[in-house]
Amino acid sequence: MADFLTNFFKLLFYFKKPVTERGIILERKWHNAYEPGISAHIDYPNVTLSEVLHDTTIRFGGQTSMIYLDERWTYRELNDLVSRMANLLIESGIKPGDRVGIQLLNSPQFVFSYFGILRAGAIAVPINPHFTGNDLAYIIKNSGMRLIVAGIENFPVLKQIGTEGLKVIVTDIRVPFKENHRYEAPTGVIRLEEELFKYPAVDPQIEITPDTIANLQYTGGTTGIYKGAMLSHANLVVNATQFRYWFKNVYQDGQGSFVCVIPMFHIYAMSTTMNHAVLSGSSIIILSKFDLNELMRLIDKYKPNLFMGVPAMYGAIAMRDGHNYDLSSIEACMCGSAPLSVAVHEKFEKITGGKLREGYGLSECSPAVALTPIYGRVKYGSVGVPIPDTDVKIVDPQTGREITEPGVVGEIVVKGPQVMQGYWQQPEETALVLKDGWLRTGDLGSLDEDGYVFIADRLKDMIIMGGEKIYPREIEDVLYAHPAVKEAAAIGVPHPLRGEVPQAYVVLKETAATTERELRNYCADHLSKFKVPHKIEFIQELPRNSVGKVLRRLLKEQVAAVGVRD
């Protein structure tokens, strides 16, 4: 009896410990939300991304891999282009571990350049083609880039910032990629169309492992300080596999067809559309940039069943009501980067008949962390549940202690095989966010009683007014509900007495009219008094990054003086 009581109290003490001390995550209730056929664990292939493409070529060599400007390439042709690219790079002096940039809009050249860099054993550094000046120069210098593949239109910018010691290969994405396509280029600059086909379509057999760094994904632009998230082949293969697995009830390998209009240089498209498609033998219908009519025309013509996008794209289709195009081929879509309104969600699903779901991720996680079940329960306002083999907990931002009460906001912390290796040449920054495999995301959110994730805001965007915490998204959600408001963003501005006060920026709908006083009164009806914006400014558009995230940093920079009225 004594031994029984001793063991009983030991067990009781064990279960009184915080869950992190027990080595488990609080119940993982989100597994109950998984739809039939989706389990909590996946067996991942222990391969590189280059080997993934080889495997897909063996299985689906004759299948269409890419469609661009109404031209098609099979997987066998794509694999050959990748091998040629790898050999070109090696002949150009690129060695395993060297960093090679890609500054291209969506195009076949982006796809085979990316995989060619990896097949050469190098590290890909995707760059926003719209970057110029200090942004571009910093990434080139910080990464130690040896060579860059760029659009011919980007060469003047590269020349302006100085490319001494940096080899440049240019290409023309205005037409389908073809051997010996002629266009004007500066003397001494390599034209990809001329050079690529001089090299054999044979894998150079560079020895790399799944743990090798594949990608430097520069992130942190919303803070103005870029950091290169080091993503290994394993990180990227795992996340593509997780994403593919989430869609297992939607389509079979070899039967997928993706619309790719979100930018490939961003990790969202790179993983969820490009790598996901290659892993599953799916075709990628490529648009170099977002054009609503062209997007709907291509959906009508090629009948894709999968579409990864951002709220603005789905909203544009919903507003045009399909514009007499047949969009009914769409079976499943994922939405990321910003909150999706219920109205757009419902209208888009009505037009297409497909499932539109929200997700959450970040560059440091390759990127997917949480997804809404395709055929499972949808909770409006939630970004879904943690995906297989991924743990999420909420912690107090100050103490780091886990918050176990449902609905209580704290910092989102993530652990899983898709989490980055660290930041390139920034050990101090790495130590701040990575500890014992857990990544501090800097995002504020909560878990509900079923394990669904709700995003509150970015930790750095939280407004602290006289000790009171205000989340900008609270204010924005209220403003979005006003019938005259098209877009809204809230920030904290300095105040001599309160530290910070909330200020909002609003874009009105076409033909709509309202006043600052009316909007402030509307906010007062729906928010606590201290959360009502002290000032509301009307602007033509909100500053956004390439995937639609509002850059609150730029709004703060526009605040030239305190000038806040009570």
Protein backbone atom coordinates (compact mmCIF):
# COMPACT_ATOMS: atom_id res chain seq x y z
CA MET A 1 0.00 0.00 0.00
CA ALA A 2 2.84 2.40 0.86
CA ASP A 3 4.51 1.72 -2.50
CA PHE A 4 1.20 2.36 -4.27
CA LEU A 5 0.75 5.74 -2.55
CA THR A 6 4.37 6.69 -3.25
CA ASN A 7 3.98 5.93 -6.96
CA PHE A 8 0.60 7.65 -7.05
CA PHE A 9 2.01 10.91 -5.68
CA LYS A 10 5.02 10.70 -8.01
CA LEU A 11 2.62 10.39 -10.92
CA LEU A 12 0.47 13.24 -9.61
CA PHE A 13 3.55 15.47 -9.27
CA TYR A 14 4.60 14.54 -12.80
CA PHE A 15 1.31 15.67 -14.29
CA LYS A 16 1.39 18.90 -12.30
CA LYS A 17 4.56 19.91 -14.13
CA PRO A 18 4.32 22.33 -17.05
CA VAL A 19 3.86 20.46 -20.30
CA THR A 20 7.25 21.56 -21.58
CA GLU A 21 8.91 19.80 -18.62
CA ARG A 22 7.02 16.61 -19.41
CA GLY A 23 8.40 16.66 -22.94
CA ILE A 24 4.96 16.69 -24.54
CA ILE A 25 2.64 19.33 -25.91
CA LEU A 26 -0.64 19.98 -24.18
CA GLU A 27 -2.90 17.26 -25.58
CA ARG A 28 -2.47 18.32 -29.22
CA LYS A 29 -6.23 18.65 -29.50
CA TRP A 30 -5.81 19.84 -33.07
CA HIS A 31 -5.25 16.25 -34.22
CA ASN A 32 -8.96 15.68 -33.68
CA ALA A 33 -9.67 18.34 -36.33
CA TYR A 34 -7.78 16.44 -39.05
CA GLU A 35 -10.06 15.11 -41.75
CA PRO A 36 -10.28 11.35 -42.46
CA GLY A 37 -7.07 9.93 -43.88
CA ILE A 38 -4.85 12.64 -42.41
CA SER A 39 -2.71 11.37 -39.53
CA ALA A 40 -0.47 13.14 -37.03
CA HIS A 41 2.76 11.78 -38.48
CA ILE A 42 4.22 11.48 -41.99
CA ASP A 43 7.17 9.42 -43.24
CA TYR A 44 9.39 11.88 -45.11
CA PRO A 45 11.69 10.94 -47.99
CA ASN A 46 15.35 11.37 -47.00
CA VAL A 47 16.33 13.08 -50.25
CA THR A 48 17.37 16.43 -51.70
CA LEU A 49 15.10 18.59 -53.83
CA SER A 50 17.17 17.65 -56.88
CA GLU A 51 16.46 13.98 -56.17
CA VAL A 52 12.75 14.80 -55.78
CA LEU A 53 12.75 16.14 -59.35
CA HIS A 54 14.60 13.06 -60.61
CA ASP A 55 12.02 10.79 -58.96
CA THR A 56 9.12 12.77 -60.42
CA THR A 57 10.74 12.60 -63.87
CA ILE A 58 10.92 8.81 -63.58
CA ARG A 59 7.24 8.62 -62.57
CA PHE A 60 5.78 11.36 -64.74
CA GLY A 61 8.40 12.24 -67.37
CA GLY A 62 5.86 12.82 -70.15
CA GLN A 63 3.51 14.91 -67.99
CA THR A 64 3.35 18.68 -68.37
CA SER A 65 5.54 20.35 -65.76
CA MET A 66 5.08 24.02 -66.76
CA ILE A 67 2.83 26.14 -68.95
CA TYR A 68 3.97 29.67 -69.70
CA LEU A 69 2.68 32.05 -72.38
CA ASP A 70 0.80 29.06 -73.80
CA GLU A 71 3.97 26.97 -74.24
CA ARG A 72 4.44 23.64 -72.44
CA TRP A 73 7.40 21.74 -70.99
CA THR A 74 7.28 18.13 -69.79
CA TYR A 75 8.99 16.94 -66.61
CA ARG A 76 11.63 15.24 -68.74
CA GLU A 77 12.35 18.55 -70.47
CA LEU A 78 12.42 20.41 -67.15
CA ASN A 79 14.84 17.88 -65.66
CA ASP A 80 17.13 18.29 -68.68
CA LEU A 81 17.07 22.09 -68.35
CA VAL A 82 17.95 21.75 -64.67
CA SER A 83 20.96 19.55 -65.43
CA ARG A 84 22.13 21.92 -68.15
CA MET A 85 21.82 24.81 -65.71
CA ALA A 86 23.81 22.96 -63.05
CA ASN A 87 26.61 22.26 -65.54
CA LEU A 88 26.62 25.88 -66.73
CA LEU A 89 27.00 27.08 -63.15
CA ILE A 90 29.79 24.62 -62.38
CA GLU A 91 31.65 25.67 -65.53
CA SER A 92 31.18 29.29 -64.38
CA GLY A 93 33.13 28.49 -61.23
CA ILE A 94 30.28 27.77 -58.82
CA LYS A 95 31.23 25.26 -56.14
CA PRO A 96 29.13 23.47 -53.49
CA GLY A 97 28.02 25.92 -50.83
CA ASP A 98 28.40 29.01 -53.03
CA ARG A 99 25.46 31.41 -53.03
CA VAL A 100 23.70 32.07 -56.33
CA GLY A 101 20.98 34.70 -56.66
CA ILE A 102 17.79 34.56 -58.69
CA GLN A 103 16.19 37.91 -59.41
CA LEU A 104 13.36 36.89 -61.72
CA LEU A 105 9.62 37.25 -62.02
CA ASN A 106 7.63 34.02 -62.29
CA SER A 107 8.85 32.13 -65.34
CA PRO A 108 10.21 28.74 -66.42
CA GLN A 109 13.67 30.28 -66.02
CA PHE A 110 13.03 30.76 -62.31
CA VAL A 111 12.06 27.09 -61.89
CA PHE A 112 14.97 25.49 -63.73
CA SER A 113 17.48 28.04 -62.40
CA TYR A 114 16.40 27.29 -58.83
CA PHE A 115 16.68 23.53 -59.19
CA GLY A 116 19.86 23.92 -61.27
CA ILE A 117 21.51 25.87 -58.45
CA LEU A 118 20.60 23.10 -56.02
CA ARG A 119 21.78 20.35 -58.38
CA ALA A 120 25.14 22.14 -58.59
CA GLY A 121 25.35 21.88 -54.80
CA ALA A 122 25.01 25.65 -54.37
CA ILE A 123 22.63 27.69 -52.23
CA ALA A 124 19.79 29.58 -53.93
CA VAL A 125 19.15 33.18 -52.88
CA PRO A 126 15.78 34.32 -54.29
CA ILE A 127 15.48 38.11 -54.58
CA ASN A 128 12.49 40.34 -55.22
CA PRO A 129 12.90 41.64 -58.82
CA HIS A 130 11.64 45.02 -57.65
CA PHE A 131 14.49 45.44 -55.17
CA THR A 132 16.93 48.20 -55.97
CA GLY A 133 19.54 50.28 -54.17
CA ASN A 134 20.39 49.38 -50.59
CA ASP A 135 17.93 46.45 -50.34
CA LEU A 136 19.49 44.66 -53.30
CA ALA A 137 23.07 45.61 -52.42
CA TYR A 138 22.67 44.37 -48.84
CA ILE A 139 21.44 40.90 -49.86
CA ILE A 140 24.18 40.49 -52.45
CA LYS A 141 26.87 41.51 -49.96
CA ASN A 142 25.47 39.75 -46.89
CA SER A 143 25.02 36.44 -48.70
CA GLY A 144 28.46 36.60 -50.31
CA MET A 145 26.80 35.98 -53.66
CA ARG A 146 29.05 34.67 -56.46
CA LEU A 147 26.64 34.78 -59.38
CA ILE A 148 23.13 36.05 -60.11
CA VAL A 149 20.52 35.06 -62.70
CA ALA A 150 18.42 38.13 -63.48
CA GLY A 151 15.89 39.46 -65.93
CA ILE A 152 17.45 41.58 -68.67
CA GLU A 153 15.35 44.47 -67.33
CA ASN A 154 17.15 44.21 -63.99
CA PHE A 155 20.66 44.58 -65.34
CA PRO A 156 20.76 48.41 -65.20
CA VAL A 157 19.92 48.23 -61.49
CA LEU A 158 22.65 45.64 -60.87
CA LYS A 159 25.13 47.78 -62.75
CA GLN A 160 24.13 50.86 -60.78
CA ILE A 161 24.77 49.29 -57.36
CA GLY A 162 28.03 47.78 -58.55
CA THR A 163 28.55 44.15 -59.54
CA GLU A 164 32.33 43.91 -59.26
CA GLY A 165 33.26 40.29 -58.71
CA LEU A 166 29.65 39.18 -59.28
CA LYS A 167 28.96 37.15 -62.40
CA VAL A 168 25.68 38.00 -64.10
CA ILE A 169 23.52 35.80 -66.33
CA VAL A 170 20.52 37.54 -67.91
CA THR A 171 17.39 36.15 -69.51
CA ASP A 172 14.29 37.46 -71.25
CA ILE A 173 11.01 36.27 -69.74
CA ARG A 174 8.83 38.31 -72.13
CA VAL A 175 8.69 35.33 -74.49
CA PRO A 176 8.72 31.55 -73.93
CA PHE A 177 12.22 30.28 -73.17
CA LYS A 178 13.90 29.00 -76.35
CA GLU A 179 17.43 28.23 -77.50
CA ASN A 180 19.18 31.13 -79.25
CA HIS A 181 16.41 33.66 -78.61
CA ARG A 182 18.12 36.96 -79.48
CA TYR A 183 17.81 40.21 -77.57
CA GLU A 184 20.11 43.10 -76.77
CA ALA A 185 22.37 42.68 -73.75
CA PRO A 186 25.47 44.54 -72.58
CA THR A 187 28.85 43.30 -73.74
CA GLY A 188 30.31 40.65 -71.48
CA VAL A 189 26.99 39.66 -69.93
CA ILE A 190 25.95 36.04 -70.45
CA ARG A 191 22.60 35.46 -72.17
CA LEU A 192 21.02 32.35 -70.65
CA GLU A 193 19.26 31.49 -73.92
CA GLU A 194 22.60 31.42 -75.77
CA GLU A 195 24.69 29.72 -73.14
CA LEU A 196 22.48 27.04 -71.54
CA PHE A 197 22.29 24.63 -74.47
CA LYS A 198 26.07 24.40 -74.76
CA TYR A 199 26.02 22.18 -71.69
CA PRO A 200 24.91 18.54 -71.43
CA ALA A 201 21.59 17.49 -69.95
CA VAL A 202 23.42 15.18 -67.56
CA ASP A 203 23.29 15.36 -63.76
CA PRO A 204 26.77 16.42 -62.58
CA GLN A 205 26.34 14.13 -59.54
CA ILE A 206 27.50 16.65 -56.97
CA GLU A 207 27.39 14.98 -53.55
CA ILE A 208 25.13 16.80 -51.11
CA THR A 209 22.91 15.55 -48.30
CA PRO A 210 19.39 16.47 -47.17
CA ASP A 211 20.97 18.48 -44.34
CA THR A 212 22.76 20.74 -46.83
CA ILE A 213 21.54 24.33 -46.93
CA ALA A 214 19.44 24.78 -50.08
CA ASN A 215 17.99 28.23 -49.71
CA LEU A 216 18.75 31.57 -48.07
CA GLN A 217 15.32 33.15 -47.71
CA TYR A 218 15.78 36.79 -46.77
CA THR A 219 13.07 37.95 -44.43
CA GLY A 220 12.40 40.68 -41.91
CA GLY A 221 11.75 43.40 -44.45
CA THR A 222 8.86 44.72 -42.37
CA THR A 223 11.44 45.71 -39.75
CA GLY A 224 13.89 47.09 -42.27
CA ILE A 225 16.59 44.57 -41.24
CA TYR A 226 16.92 41.60 -43.59
CA LYS A 227 17.99 38.21 -42.29
CA GLY A 228 18.75 35.15 -44.40
CA ALA A 229 16.78 32.18 -43.06
CA MET A 230 18.85 29.06 -43.76
CA LEU A 231 16.56 26.35 -45.09
CA SER A 232 18.02 22.92 -45.75
CA HIS A 233 16.90 20.49 -48.45
CA ALA A 234 15.28 18.49 -45.64
CA ASN A 235 13.36 21.54 -44.37
CA LEU A 236 11.96 22.24 -47.82
CA VAL A 237 11.22 18.60 -48.73
CA VAL A 238 9.47 18.12 -45.39
CA ASN A 239 7.28 21.18 -45.79
CA ALA A 240 6.38 20.35 -49.39
CA THR A 241 5.49 16.84 -48.19
CA GLN A 242 3.39 18.20 -45.33
CA PHE A 243 1.55 20.48 -47.72
CA ARG A 244 1.08 17.72 -50.29
CA TYR A 245 -0.24 15.39 -47.57
CA TRP A 246 -2.79 18.01 -46.47
CA PHE A 247 -4.24 17.90 -50.01
CA LYS A 248 -4.26 14.09 -50.30
CA ASN A 249 -8.06 13.99 -50.37
CA VAL A 250 -8.18 16.59 -53.16
CA TYR A 251 -6.04 15.06 -55.93
CA GLN A 252 -3.74 12.17 -56.83
CA ASP A 253 -0.09 12.48 -57.83
CA GLY A 254 0.20 13.28 -61.53
CA GLN A 255 -3.29 14.81 -61.58
CA GLY A 256 -2.65 18.19 -60.01
CA SER A 257 -2.56 21.49 -61.86
CA PHE A 258 -1.51 24.66 -60.05
CA VAL A 259 -2.06 28.31 -60.84
CA CYS A 260 1.15 30.13 -59.91
CA VAL A 261 0.60 33.89 -59.73
CA ILE A 262 2.02 34.62 -56.27
CA PRO A 263 5.75 35.41 -56.65
CA MET A 264 8.11 32.45 -56.76
CA PHE A 265 10.88 34.42 -55.07
CA HIS A 266 8.72 34.38 -51.94
CA ILE A 267 8.77 31.22 -49.81
CA TYR A 268 4.96 30.94 -49.99
CA ALA A 269 4.89 30.22 -53.72
CA MET A 270 8.24 28.46 -53.73
CA SER A 271 7.06 25.76 -51.32
CA THR A 272 3.30 25.54 -51.75
CA THR A 273 3.23 25.80 -55.52
CA MET A 274 6.65 25.12 -57.09
CA ASN A 275 8.12 22.46 -54.74
CA HIS A 276 4.67 21.04 -53.97
CA ALA A 277 3.95 20.65 -57.70
CA VAL A 278 7.32 19.04 -58.47
CA LEU A 279 6.91 16.62 -55.55
CA SER A 280 3.50 15.48 -56.79
CA GLY A 281 4.11 15.49 -60.55
CA SER A 282 1.69 18.37 -61.05
CA SER A 283 1.73 21.04 -63.74
CA ILE A 284 2.38 24.70 -62.94
CA ILE A 285 0.50 27.33 -64.94
CA ILE A 286 2.83 30.31 -64.58
CA LEU A 287 1.88 33.97 -64.66
CA SER A 288 4.76 36.44 -64.42
CA LYS A 289 2.58 38.88 -62.49
CA PHE A 290 -1.00 39.34 -61.33
CA ASP A 291 -3.38 40.33 -64.13
CA LEU A 292 -6.99 39.56 -63.25
CA ASN A 293 -8.30 38.99 -66.76
CA GLU A 294 -5.28 36.90 -67.75
CA LEU A 295 -5.57 34.85 -64.56
CA MET A 296 -9.24 34.07 -65.20
CA ARG A 297 -8.56 33.34 -68.88
CA LEU A 298 -5.89 30.79 -68.01
CA ILE A 299 -8.11 29.11 -65.40
CA ASP A 300 -10.86 28.90 -68.01
CA LYS A 301 -8.49 27.52 -70.68
CA TYR A 302 -6.29 25.08 -68.73
CA LYS A 303 -8.72 24.00 -65.96
CA PRO A 304 -6.33 23.94 -62.97
CA ASN A 305 -7.67 22.41 -59.78
CA LEU A 306 -5.34 24.12 -57.27
CA PHE A 307 -4.68 27.78 -56.52
CA MET A 308 -2.52 29.31 -53.79
CA GLY A 309 -3.09 33.04 -53.42
CA VAL A 310 -3.54 36.07 -51.22
CA PRO A 311 -6.74 37.87 -50.16
CA ALA A 312 -6.42 40.61 -52.79
CA MET A 313 -6.47 38.04 -55.60
CA TYR A 314 -9.48 36.17 -54.29
CA GLY A 315 -11.19 39.49 -53.60
CA ALA A 316 -10.60 40.69 -57.16
CA ILE A 317 -12.17 37.53 -58.60
CA ALA A 318 -15.10 37.80 -56.19
CA MET A 319 -15.71 41.46 -57.09
CA ARG A 320 -15.72 40.65 -60.81
CA ASP A 321 -18.00 37.64 -60.17
CA GLY A 322 -15.86 35.50 -62.45
CA HIS A 323 -16.47 37.89 -65.38
CA ASN A 324 -18.12 35.16 -67.49
CA TYR A 325 -15.09 32.87 -67.28
CA ASP A 326 -15.54 29.24 -66.22
CA LEU A 327 -13.63 28.89 -62.96
CA SER A 328 -15.35 25.70 -61.82
CA SER A 329 -12.22 23.54 -62.22
CA ILE A 330 -10.83 24.98 -58.96
CA GLU A 331 -11.18 22.37 -56.22
CA ALA A 332 -9.03 23.76 -53.41
CA CYS A 333 -7.23 27.01 -52.62
CA MET A 334 -5.06 28.20 -49.78
CA CYS A 335 -4.90 31.82 -48.67
CA GLY A 336 -2.03 33.36 -46.73
CA SER A 337 -0.15 36.58 -45.92
CA ALA A 338 -3.15 38.53 -44.60
CA PRO A 339 -6.62 37.99 -43.11
CA LEU A 340 -9.37 36.84 -45.48
CA SER A 341 -12.78 38.45 -45.12
CA VAL A 342 -15.83 36.23 -44.71
CA ALA A 343 -17.56 38.01 -47.62
CA VAL A 344 -14.70 37.27 -50.04
CA HIS A 345 -14.42 33.70 -48.75
CA GLU A 346 -18.10 32.96 -49.35
CA LYS A 347 -18.32 34.73 -52.71
CA PHE A 348 -15.22 33.04 -54.13
CA GLU A 349 -16.44 29.59 -53.10
CA LYS A 350 -19.82 30.32 -54.69
CA ILE A 351 -18.19 31.35 -57.99
CA THR A 352 -15.78 28.41 -58.24
CA GLY A 353 -17.44 25.69 -56.19
CA GLY A 354 -14.01 25.01 -54.67
CA LYS A 355 -12.78 25.12 -51.09
CA LEU A 356 -10.94 28.28 -50.02
CA ARG A 357 -8.94 27.78 -46.84
CA GLU A 358 -6.60 29.93 -44.75
CA GLY A 359 -3.16 29.03 -43.50
CA TYR A 360 -0.30 30.43 -41.46
CA GLY A 361 3.41 30.29 -41.95
CA LEU A 362 6.65 32.23 -42.04
CA SER A 363 9.91 32.09 -43.95
CA GLU A 364 11.68 30.54 -40.97
CA CYS A 365 9.31 27.55 -41.20
CA SER A 366 9.66 26.85 -44.92
CA PRO A 367 6.82 28.29 -44.50
CA ALA A 368 3.69 26.27 -43.53
CA VAL A 369 2.85 25.89 -39.82
CA ALA A 370 -0.95 25.71 -39.65
CA LEU A 371 -3.61 25.01 -42.29
CA THR A 372 -7.38 24.81 -42.24
CA PRO A 373 -8.65 21.31 -43.12
CA ILE A 374 -9.79 21.22 -46.74
CA TYR A 375 -12.90 19.15 -46.03
CA GLY A 376 -12.98 19.62 -42.26
CA ARG A 377 -14.26 22.25 -39.89
CA VAL A 378 -13.71 25.88 -40.83
CA LYS A 379 -13.59 28.55 -38.12
CA TYR A 380 -13.76 32.03 -39.56
CA GLY A 381 -10.94 34.17 -38.22
CA SER A 382 -8.71 31.14 -37.65
CA VAL A 383 -5.75 30.11 -39.81
CA GLY A 384 -6.40 26.45 -39.08
CA VAL A 385 -4.56 23.85 -37.01
CA PRO A 386 -0.90 22.82 -36.75
CA ILE A 387 0.00 20.46 -39.58
CA PRO A 388 1.40 16.93 -38.99
CA ASP A 389 4.62 16.68 -36.96
CA THR A 390 4.31 20.34 -36.00
CA ASP A 391 3.81 21.61 -32.47
CA VAL A 392 2.52 25.05 -31.57
CA LYS A 393 2.28 26.59 -28.13
CA ILE A 394 1.45 30.04 -26.81
CA VAL A 395 3.86 31.66 -24.38
CA ASP A 396 4.00 34.84 -22.37
CA PRO A 397 6.23 37.20 -24.44
CA GLN A 398 8.00 38.48 -21.33
CA THR A 399 8.54 35.32 -19.26
CA GLY A 400 8.41 32.62 -21.94
CA ARG A 401 6.05 30.56 -19.78
CA GLU A 402 3.45 28.54 -21.64
CA ILE A 403 -0.14 29.81 -21.64
CA THR A 404 -2.50 26.84 -21.52
CA GLU A 405 -5.84 28.64 -21.21
CA PRO A 406 -7.76 28.63 -24.51
CA GLY A 407 -8.21 32.01 -26.15
CA VAL A 408 -5.50 33.84 -24.19
CA VAL A 409 -3.16 35.80 -26.46
CA GLY A 410 0.60 35.31 -26.26
CA GLU A 411 3.54 34.74 -28.58
CA ILE A 412 3.25 31.82 -31.00
CA VAL A 413 6.15 29.37 -30.68
CA VAL A 414 6.69 26.55 -33.18
CA LYS A 415 8.61 23.28 -33.31
CA GLY A 416 8.85 20.92 -36.25
CA PRO A 417 11.13 19.44 -38.94
CA GLN A 418 10.43 22.42 -41.23
CA VAL A 419 11.97 24.98 -38.84
CA MET A 420 15.06 26.71 -40.24
CA GLN A 421 18.67 26.04 -39.28
CA GLY A 422 19.20 29.65 -38.21
CA TYR A 423 20.00 33.04 -39.73
CA TRP A 424 22.91 33.35 -42.13
CA GLN A 425 25.96 34.79 -40.32
CA GLN A 426 23.78 36.14 -37.49
CA PRO A 427 24.31 33.86 -34.47
CA GLU A 428 23.00 36.48 -32.03
CA GLU A 429 19.74 36.87 -33.94
CA THR A 430 19.48 33.08 -34.21
CA ALA A 431 19.91 32.68 -30.45
CA LEU A 432 17.11 35.16 -29.83
CA VAL A 433 14.53 33.12 -31.74
CA LEU A 434 15.72 29.48 -31.60
CA LYS A 435 16.01 27.52 -28.35
CA ASP A 436 15.82 23.75 -27.95
CA GLY A 437 14.28 23.47 -31.40
CA TRP A 438 11.50 25.94 -30.61
CA LEU A 439 11.14 29.01 -32.83
CA ARG A 440 9.81 32.23 -31.37
CA THR A 441 7.80 33.62 -34.27
CA GLY A 442 7.23 37.17 -33.05
CA ASP A 443 3.55 36.67 -33.89
CA LEU A 444 0.86 37.10 -31.27
CA GLY A 445 -2.03 34.67 -31.24
CA SER A 446 -4.00 32.08 -29.33
CA LEU A 447 -5.20 28.50 -29.46
CA ASP A 448 -8.87 27.77 -28.87
CA GLU A 449 -10.28 24.73 -27.06
CA ASP A 450 -9.99 22.63 -30.26
CA GLY A 451 -6.42 23.65 -31.06
CA TYR A 452 -7.31 26.09 -33.86
CA VAL A 453 -4.81 28.93 -34.23
CA PHE A 454 -5.98 32.56 -34.19
CA ILE A 455 -3.53 35.33 -35.12
CA ALA A 456 -3.77 38.54 -33.12
CA ASP A 457 -0.85 40.56 -34.47
CA ARG A 458 2.89 40.93 -34.74
CA LEU A 459 4.61 41.35 -31.38
CA LYS A 460 6.56 44.33 -32.67
CA ASP A 461 3.35 46.01 -33.90
CA MET A 462 1.58 45.80 -30.54
CA ILE A 463 0.69 49.27 -29.25
CA ILE A 464 1.34 49.92 -25.56
CA MET A 465 -0.59 52.98 -24.38
CA GLY A 466 -0.01 53.84 -20.74
CA GLY A 467 0.48 50.16 -19.94
CA GLU A 468 -2.58 49.03 -21.91
CA LYS A 469 -1.90 46.60 -24.76
CA ILE A 470 -3.68 47.29 -28.04
CA TYR A 471 -3.48 44.97 -31.04
CA PRO A 472 -3.69 46.86 -34.37
CA ARG A 473 -5.74 44.06 -35.86
CA GLU A 474 -8.52 44.68 -33.31
CA ILE A 475 -8.92 48.19 -34.68
CA GLU A 476 -8.54 47.08 -38.29
CA ASP A 477 -11.21 44.39 -37.97
CA VAL A 478 -13.71 46.99 -36.72
CA LEU A 479 -12.85 49.43 -39.51
CA TYR A 480 -13.14 46.70 -42.15
CA ALA A 481 -16.69 46.08 -40.98
CA HIS A 482 -17.73 49.65 -41.85
CA PRO A 483 -19.54 49.68 -45.22
CA ALA A 484 -17.45 52.55 -46.63
CA VAL A 485 -14.04 51.02 -45.80
CA LYS A 486 -12.09 49.01 -48.36
CA GLU A 487 -8.80 48.68 -46.45
CA ALA A 488 -7.49 49.72 -43.06
CA ALA A 489 -4.27 49.65 -41.07
CA ALA A 490 -3.50 50.78 -37.54
CA ILE A 491 -0.19 51.70 -35.95
CA GLY A 492 1.11 53.15 -32.70
CA VAL A 493 2.49 56.69 -32.85
CA PRO A 494 4.57 58.40 -30.16
CA HIS A 495 2.78 60.43 -27.47
CA PRO A 496 4.53 62.51 -24.77
CA LEU A 497 2.28 61.27 -21.94
CA ARG A 498 0.92 57.90 -22.98
CA GLY A 499 3.99 56.51 -24.73
CA GLU A 500 1.96 55.51 -27.77
CA VAL A 501 -1.55 56.06 -29.09
CA PRO A 502 -3.33 54.26 -31.93
CA GLN A 503 -3.64 55.91 -35.31
CA ALA A 504 -5.42 54.43 -38.34
CA TYR A 505 -5.15 54.73 -42.10
CA VAL A 506 -8.17 54.01 -44.27
CA VAL A 507 -8.75 53.39 -47.98
CA LEU A 508 -12.37 53.99 -48.94
CA LYS A 509 -14.35 51.93 -51.41
CA GLU A 510 -15.04 53.51 -54.76
CA THR A 511 -17.99 55.94 -54.64
CA ALA A 512 -18.14 55.54 -50.83
CA ALA A 513 -17.95 58.53 -48.50
CA THR A 514 -17.53 59.01 -44.79
CA THR A 515 -15.69 61.28 -42.36
CA GLU A 516 -13.02 60.82 -39.73
CA ARG A 517 -15.52 61.70 -37.00
CA GLU A 518 -18.00 59.12 -38.25
CA LEU A 519 -15.36 56.40 -38.31
CA ARG A 520 -14.08 57.28 -34.85
CA ASN A 521 -17.65 57.18 -33.52
CA TYR A 522 -18.13 53.82 -35.24
CA CYS A 523 -14.98 52.52 -33.53
CA ALA A 524 -16.21 53.89 -30.19
CA ASP A 525 -19.36 51.77 -30.58
CA HIS A 526 -17.33 48.60 -30.99
CA LEU A 527 -14.09 49.13 -29.07
CA SER A 528 -13.00 50.05 -25.58
CA LYS A 529 -12.44 53.79 -25.38
CA PHE A 530 -8.64 53.55 -25.12
CA LYS A 531 -8.50 51.51 -28.35
CA VAL A 532 -10.31 54.10 -30.49
CA PRO A 533 -7.83 55.69 -32.95
CA HIS A 534 -6.87 59.19 -31.92
CA LYS A 535 -6.54 60.03 -35.58
CA ILE A 536 -7.76 58.47 -38.83
CA GLU A 537 -6.21 59.46 -42.14
CA PHE A 538 -7.65 58.70 -45.57
CA ILE A 539 -5.12 57.50 -48.16
CA GLN A 540 -5.27 56.09 -51.70
CA GLU A 541 -3.61 52.75 -50.94
CA LEU A 542 -1.81 50.93 -48.15
CA PRO A 543 1.88 50.08 -48.58
CA ARG A 544 2.26 46.32 -49.07
CA ASN A 545 5.01 43.85 -49.78
CA SER A 546 5.12 41.41 -52.68
CA VAL A 547 2.60 39.00 -51.14
CA GLY A 548 0.14 41.54 -49.83
CA LYS A 549 1.24 42.10 -46.24
CA VAL A 550 0.69 45.65 -45.06
CA LEU A 551 3.99 47.32 -44.21
CA ARG A 552 3.11 49.17 -41.04
CA ARG A 553 6.75 50.20 -40.79
CA LEU A 554 6.33 52.48 -43.80
CA LEU A 555 3.24 54.05 -42.27
CA LYS A 556 5.21 54.78 -39.11
CA GLU A 557 7.94 56.39 -41.17
CA GLN A 558 5.34 58.75 -42.64
CA VAL A 559 4.53 60.08 -39.20
CA ALA A 560 6.86 63.08 -39.33
CA ALA A 561 5.96 64.50 -35.92
CA VAL A 562 3.91 63.55 -32.85
CA GLY A 563 1.00 65.84 -33.63
CA VAL A 564 -1.52 63.51 -32.03
CA ARG A 565 -4.64 65.09 -30.73
CA ASP A 566 -6.67 63.87 -27.77
